[in-house]
C-alpha atoms as a PDB file:
ATOM      1  CA  UNK A   1     121.112 -47.496 -57.182  1.00  0.00           C
ATOM      2  CA  UNK A   2     117.476 -47.106 -58.014  1.00  0.00           C
ATOM      3  CA  UNK A   3     114.754 -46.949 -55.330  1.00  0.00           C
ATOM      4  CA  UNK A   4     112.965 -49.964 -56.816  1.00  0.00           C
ATOM      5  CA  UNK A   5     116.085 -52.092 -56.431  1.00  0.00           C
ATOM      6  CA  UNK A   6     116.346 -51.193 -52.730  1.00  0.00           C
ATOM      7  CA  UNK A   7     112.638 -51.790 -52.272  1.00  0.00           C
ATOM      8  CA  UNK A   8     112.875 -55.208 -53.927  1.00  0.00           C
ATOM      9  CA  UNK A   9     115.964 -56.114 -51.887  1.00  0.00           C
ATOM     10  CA  UNK A  10     114.262 -55.105 -48.645  1.00  0.00           C
ATOM     11  CA  UNK A  11     111.108 -57.069 -49.554  1.00  0.00           C
ATOM     12  CA  UNK A  12     113.297 -60.090 -50.313  1.00  0.00           C
ATOM     13  CA  UNK A  13     115.402 -59.932 -47.134  1.00  0.00           C
ATOM     14  CA  UNK A  14     112.822 -58.810 -44.599  1.00  0.00           C
ATOM     15  CA  UNK A  15     109.916 -61.171 -44.052  1.00  0.00           C
ATOM     16  CA  UNK A  16     106.615 -59.460 -44.278  1.00  0.00           C
ATOM     17  CA  UNK A  17     103.375 -59.423 -46.198  1.00  0.00           C
ATOM     18  CA  UNK A  18     103.546 -60.876 -49.698  1.00  0.00           C
ATOM     19  CA  UNK A  19     104.542 -58.626 -52.512  1.00  0.00           C
ATOM     20  CA  UNK A  20     101.717 -57.074 -54.484  1.00  0.00           C
ATOM     21  CA  UNK A  21     103.280 -58.428 -57.668  1.00  0.00           C
ATOM     22  CA  UNK A  22     102.555 -62.029 -56.632  1.00  0.00           C
ATOM     23  CA  UNK A  23      98.891 -61.233 -56.102  1.00  0.00           C
ATOM     24  CA  UNK A  24      98.411 -60.757 -59.836  1.00  0.00           C
ATOM     25  CA  UNK A  25      96.741 -63.724 -61.500  1.00  0.00           C
ATOM     26  CA  UNK A  26      99.268 -63.975 -64.343  1.00  0.00           C
ATOM     27  CA  UNK A  27     102.229 -64.130 -61.969  1.00  0.00           C
ATOM     28  CA  UNK A  28     100.585 -66.820 -59.828  1.00  0.00           C
ATOM     29  CA  UNK A  29      99.642 -68.878 -62.883  1.00  0.00           C
ATOM     30  CA  UNK A  30     103.193 -68.617 -64.187  1.00  0.00           C
ATOM     31  CA  UNK A  31     104.553 -69.754 -60.829  1.00  0.00           C
ATOM     32  CA  UNK A  32     102.149 -72.704 -60.702  1.00  0.00           C
ATOM     33  CA  UNK A  33     103.135 -73.727 -64.246  1.00  0.00           C
ATOM     34  CA  UNK A  34     106.819 -73.652 -63.288  1.00  0.00           C
ATOM     35  CA  UNK A  35     106.206 -75.740 -60.160  1.00  0.00           C
ATOM     36  CA  UNK A  36     104.207 -78.310 -62.144  1.00  0.00           C
ATOM     37  CA  UNK A  37     106.917 -78.408 -64.806  1.00  0.00           C
ATOM     38  CA  UNK A  38     109.576 -79.067 -62.172  1.00  0.00           C
ATOM     39  CA  UNK A  39     107.472 -81.767 -60.460  1.00  0.00           C
ATOM     40  CA  UNK A  40     106.671 -83.440 -63.785  1.00  0.00           C
ATOM     41  CA  UNK A  41     110.341 -83.409 -64.757  1.00  0.00           C
ATOM     42  CA  UNK A  42     111.298 -84.984 -61.429  1.00  0.00           C
ATOM     43  CA  UNK A  43     108.578 -87.644 -61.749  1.00  0.00           C
ATOM     44  CA  UNK A  44     109.620 -88.562 -65.294  1.00  0.00           C
ATOM     45  CA  UNK A  45     113.273 -88.618 -64.239  1.00  0.00           C
ATOM     46  CA  UNK A  46     112.455 -91.020 -61.414  1.00  0.00           C
ATOM     47  CA  UNK A  47     110.385 -93.240 -63.716  1.00  0.00           C
ATOM     48  CA  UNK A  48     113.179 -93.227 -66.305  1.00  0.00           C
ATOM     49  CA  UNK A  49     115.744 -94.138 -63.652  1.00  0.00           C
ATOM     50  CA  UNK A  50     113.609 -97.046 -62.450  1.00  0.00           C
ATOM     51  CA  UNK A  51     113.133 -98.342 -66.005  1.00  0.00           C
ATOM     52  CA  UNK A  52     116.802 -97.872 -66.826  1.00  0.00           C
ATOM     53  CA  UNK A  53     117.923 -99.736 -63.707  1.00  0.00           C
ATOM     54  CA  UNK A  54     115.909-102.790 -64.724  1.00  0.00           C
ATOM     55  CA  UNK A  55     117.268-102.845 -68.295  1.00  0.00           C
ATOM     56  CA  UNK A  56     120.617-103.714 -69.787  1.00  0.00           C
ATOM     57  CA  UNK A  57     123.022-100.847 -70.288  1.00  0.00           C
ATOM     58  CA  UNK A  58     123.126-101.406 -74.049  1.00  0.00           C
ATOM     59  CA  UNK A  59     119.368-100.963 -74.293  1.00  0.00           C
ATOM     60  CA  UNK A  60     119.535 -97.827 -72.177  1.00  0.00           C
ATOM     61  CA  UNK A  61     122.296 -96.328 -74.341  1.00  0.00           C
ATOM     62  CA  UNK A  62     120.462 -97.175 -77.567  1.00  0.00           C
ATOM     63  CA  UNK A  63     117.216 -95.740 -76.198  1.00  0.00           C
ATOM     64  CA  UNK A  64     119.005 -92.603 -75.001  1.00  0.00           C
ATOM     65  CA  UNK A  65     120.755 -92.027 -78.323  1.00  0.00           C
ATOM     66  CA  UNK A  66     117.565 -92.627 -80.307  1.00  0.00           C
ATOM     67  CA  UNK A  67     115.624 -90.227 -78.086  1.00  0.00           C
ATOM     68  CA  UNK A  68     118.380 -87.633 -78.319  1.00  0.00           C
ATOM     69  CA  UNK A  69     118.486 -87.755 -82.118  1.00  0.00           C
ATOM     70  CA  UNK A  70     114.674 -87.612 -82.387  1.00  0.00           C
ATOM     71  CA  UNK A  71     114.482 -84.628 -80.029  1.00  0.00           C
ATOM     72  CA  UNK A  72     117.245 -82.734 -81.832  1.00  0.00           C
ATOM     73  CA  UNK A  73     115.754 -83.366 -85.277  1.00  0.00           C
ATOM     74  CA  UNK A  74     112.252 -82.385 -84.132  1.00  0.00           C
ATOM     75  CA  UNK A  75     113.562 -79.219 -82.494  1.00  0.00           C
ATOM     76  CA  UNK A  76     115.518 -78.244 -85.602  1.00  0.00           C
ATOM     77  CA  UNK A  77     112.525 -78.852 -87.854  1.00  0.00           C
ATOM     78  CA  UNK A  78     110.253 -76.818 -85.582  1.00  0.00           C
ATOM     79  CA  UNK A  79     112.839 -74.056 -85.312  1.00  0.00           C
ATOM     80  CA  UNK A  80     113.801 -73.608 -88.951  1.00  0.00           C
ATOM     81  CA  UNK A  81     110.592 -74.407 -90.806  1.00  0.00           C
ATOM     82  CA  UNK A  82     107.989 -71.835 -91.763  1.00  0.00           C
ATOM     83  CA  UNK A  83     105.136 -74.249 -91.083  1.00  0.00           C
ATOM     84  CA  UNK A  84     103.027 -73.272 -88.057  1.00  0.00           C
ATOM     85  CA  UNK A  85     102.471 -76.430 -86.001  1.00  0.00           C
ATOM     86  CA  UNK A  86     100.615 -74.526 -83.284  1.00  0.00           C
ATOM     87  CA  UNK A  87      97.664 -73.856 -85.573  1.00  0.00           C
ATOM     88  CA  UNK A  88      97.022 -77.575 -85.945  1.00  0.00           C
ATOM     89  CA  UNK A  89      97.272 -78.678 -82.310  1.00  0.00           C
ATOM     90  CA  UNK A  90      93.788 -80.203 -82.298  1.00  0.00           C
ATOM     91  CA  UNK A  91      94.583 -82.314 -85.363  1.00  0.00           C
ATOM     92  CA  UNK A  92      97.952 -83.396 -83.992  1.00  0.00           C
ATOM     93  CA  UNK A  93      96.375 -84.344 -80.654  1.00  0.00           C
ATOM     94  CA  UNK A  94      93.523 -86.230 -82.334  1.00  0.00           C
ATOM     95  CA  UNK A  95      95.897 -88.114 -84.639  1.00  0.00           C
ATOM     96  CA  UNK A  96      98.101 -89.031 -81.685  1.00  0.00           C
ATOM     97  CA  UNK A  97      95.144 -90.379 -79.715  1.00  0.00           C
ATOM     98  CA  UNK A  98      93.831 -92.354 -82.706  1.00  0.00           C
ATOM     99  CA  UNK A  99      97.254 -93.876 -83.429  1.00  0.00           C
ATOM    100  CA  UNK A 100      97.796 -94.678 -79.736  1.00  0.00           C
ATOM    101  CA  UNK A 101      94.426 -96.421 -79.481  1.00  0.00           C
ATOM    102  CA  UNK A 102      95.010 -98.287 -82.756  1.00  0.00           C
ATOM    103  CA  UNK A 103      98.471 -99.405 -81.627  1.00  0.00           C
ATOM    104  CA  UNK A 104      97.189-100.610 -78.262  1.00  0.00           C
ATOM    105  CA  UNK A 105      94.366-102.543 -79.902  1.00  0.00           C
ATOM    106  CA  UNK A 106      96.675-104.062 -82.514  1.00  0.00           C
ATOM    107  CA  UNK A 107      99.170-105.315 -79.954  1.00  0.00           C
ATOM    108  CA  UNK A 108      96.404-106.600 -77.687  1.00  0.00           C
ATOM    109  CA  UNK A 109      94.687-108.521 -80.468  1.00  0.00           C
ATOM    110  CA  UNK A 110      97.997-109.891 -81.772  1.00  0.00           C
ATOM    111  CA  UNK A 111      99.110-110.871 -78.276  1.00  0.00           C
ATOM    112  CA  UNK A 112      95.907-112.717 -77.428  1.00  0.00           C
ATOM    113  CA  UNK A 113      94.910-114.206 -80.787  1.00  0.00           C
ATOM    114  CA  UNK A 114      98.244-114.464 -82.600  1.00  0.00           C
ATOM    115  CA  UNK A 115      99.280-117.898 -81.335  1.00  0.00           C
ATOM    116  CA  UNK A 116      95.849-119.385 -82.085  1.00  0.00           C
ATOM    117  CA  UNK A 117      95.825-117.890 -85.587  1.00  0.00           C
ATOM    118  CA  UNK A 118      99.199-119.432 -86.380  1.00  0.00           C
ATOM    119  CA  UNK A 119      98.041-122.779 -85.000  1.00  0.00           C
ATOM    120  CA  UNK A 120      94.941-122.781 -87.230  1.00  0.00           C
ATOM    121  CA  UNK A 121      96.994-121.647 -90.247  1.00  0.00           C
ATOM    122  CA  UNK A 122      99.665-124.331 -89.803  1.00  0.00           C
ATOM    123  CA  UNK A 123      97.059-127.040 -89.142  1.00  0.00           C
ATOM    124  CA  UNK A 124      95.202-126.228 -92.361  1.00  0.00           C
ATOM    125  CA  UNK A 125      98.489-126.193 -94.282  1.00  0.00           C
ATOM    126  CA  UNK A 126      99.261-129.715 -93.083  1.00  0.00           C
ATOM    127  CA  UNK A 127      95.720-131.018 -93.705  1.00  0.00           C
ATOM    128  CA  UNK A 128      95.693-129.550 -97.209  1.00  0.00           C
ATOM    129  CA  UNK A 129      92.838-128.813 -99.646  1.00  0.00           C
ATOM    130  CA  UNK A 130      92.999-125.095 -98.821  1.00  0.00           C
ATOM    131  CA  UNK A 131      94.551-122.104-100.569  1.00  0.00           C
ATOM    132  CA  UNK A 132      97.976-122.641 -98.986  1.00  0.00           C
ATOM    133  CA  UNK A 133      99.179-126.245 -99.263  1.00  0.00           C
ATOM    134  CA  UNK A 134     102.557-127.773 -98.587  1.00  0.00           C
ATOM    135  CA  UNK A 135     104.393-130.368-100.576  1.00  0.00           C
ATOM    136  CA  UNK A 136     105.317-133.802 -99.235  1.00  0.00           C
ATOM    137  CA  UNK A 137     108.900-132.680 -98.553  1.00  0.00           C
ATOM    138  CA  UNK A 138     107.745-129.881 -96.249  1.00  0.00           C
ATOM    139  CA  UNK A 139     105.773-132.014 -93.792  1.00  0.00           C
ATOM    140  CA  UNK A 140     108.659-132.165 -91.315  1.00  0.00           C
ATOM    141  CA  UNK A 141     109.061-128.378 -91.290  1.00  0.00           C
ATOM    142  CA  UNK A 142     105.295-127.916 -91.003  1.00  0.00           C
ATOM    143  CA  UNK A 143     105.070-130.360 -88.105  1.00  0.00           C
ATOM    144  CA  UNK A 144     107.885-128.502 -86.323  1.00  0.00           C
ATOM    145  CA  UNK A 145     106.011-125.231 -86.900  1.00  0.00           C
ATOM    146  CA  UNK A 146     102.862-126.844 -85.490  1.00  0.00           C
ATOM    147  CA  UNK A 147     104.795-128.026 -82.442  1.00  0.00           C
ATOM    148  CA  UNK A 148     106.280-124.534 -81.941  1.00  0.00           C
ATOM    149  CA  UNK A 149     102.791-123.027 -82.168  1.00  0.00           C
ATOM    150  CA  UNK A 150     101.642-125.326 -79.369  1.00  0.00           C
ATOM    151  CA  UNK A 151     104.704-124.389 -77.294  1.00  0.00           C
ATOM    152  CA  UNK A 152     104.026-120.702 -77.931  1.00  0.00           C
ATOM    153  CA  UNK A 153     100.432-121.114 -76.739  1.00  0.00           C
ATOM    154  CA  UNK A 154     101.688-122.949 -73.646  1.00  0.00           C
ATOM    155  CA  UNK A 155     104.164-120.151 -72.870  1.00  0.00           C
ATOM    156  CA  UNK A 156     101.458-117.560 -73.392  1.00  0.00           C
ATOM    157  CA  UNK A 157      99.122-119.336 -70.996  1.00  0.00           C
ATOM    158  CA  UNK A 158     101.890-119.707 -68.394  1.00  0.00           C
ATOM    159  CA  UNK A 159     102.729-115.994 -68.653  1.00  0.00           C
ATOM    160  CA  UNK A 160      99.074-115.048 -68.397  1.00  0.00           C
ATOM    161  CA  UNK A 161      98.483-117.322 -65.402  1.00  0.00           C
ATOM    162  CA  UNK A 162     101.678-116.147 -63.681  1.00  0.00           C
ATOM    163  CA  UNK A 163     100.717-112.522 -64.165  1.00  0.00           C
ATOM    164  CA  UNK A 164      97.251-113.167 -62.783  1.00  0.00           C
ATOM    165  CA  UNK A 165      98.655-115.078 -59.796  1.00  0.00           C
ATOM    166  CA  UNK A 166     101.311-112.424 -59.163  1.00  0.00           C
ATOM    167  CA  UNK A 167      98.722-109.650 -59.242  1.00  0.00           C
ATOM    168  CA  UNK A 168      96.441-111.611 -56.918  1.00  0.00           C
ATOM    169  CA  UNK A 169      99.255-112.351 -54.431  1.00  0.00           C
ATOM    170  CA  UNK A 170     100.476-108.761 -54.397  1.00  0.00           C
ATOM    171  CA  UNK A 171      96.954-107.499 -53.723  1.00  0.00           C
ATOM    172  CA  UNK A 172      96.394-109.947 -50.896  1.00  0.00           C
ATOM    173  CA  UNK A 173      99.748-109.803 -49.103  1.00  0.00           C
ATOM    174  CA  UNK A 174     101.057-106.370 -50.123  1.00  0.00           C
ATOM    175  CA  UNK A 175     104.555-107.846 -50.102  1.00  0.00           C
ATOM    176  CA  UNK A 176     106.994-107.685 -53.002  1.00  0.00           C
ATOM    177  CA  UNK A 177     107.124-110.863 -55.020  1.00  0.00           C
ATOM    178  CA  UNK A 178     110.280-112.369 -56.537  1.00  0.00           C
END
């Protein structure tokens, strides 16, 4: 065997001062990246397990299969295409942040103002003399829609109040709530 193999084996088996190879900046940075990758993988695995345990098994299977197909297709496209995605990282990152912010704002606005918009729309349809009018035969359906809008607003307010109360109780008592 080669002298370097024996030297490496002895350095591995016999505790002593750290190897000079680990003192290089590139080796340490590589080690730190691997440790962070392992910790991140473990954290995401734990978060995924917690989310999966609180969902139905059908939803978990559908989510898993969808994620698997998306990952395989993306990997194949990145592997076999001649397009260099790495040159456009800044644009991809910026587009992702813009779309994420836009999506969050859209869902927030729809969640908070959606029920009130539908209530105003259905009320004006019943009153008439606006762009969208209903005929005399549709008054029953429109009144049911108006009633459902009021119920939707009630459910929204109950959810909002329950969330606020649950957050307040958990902050005060630090006990899990049912």
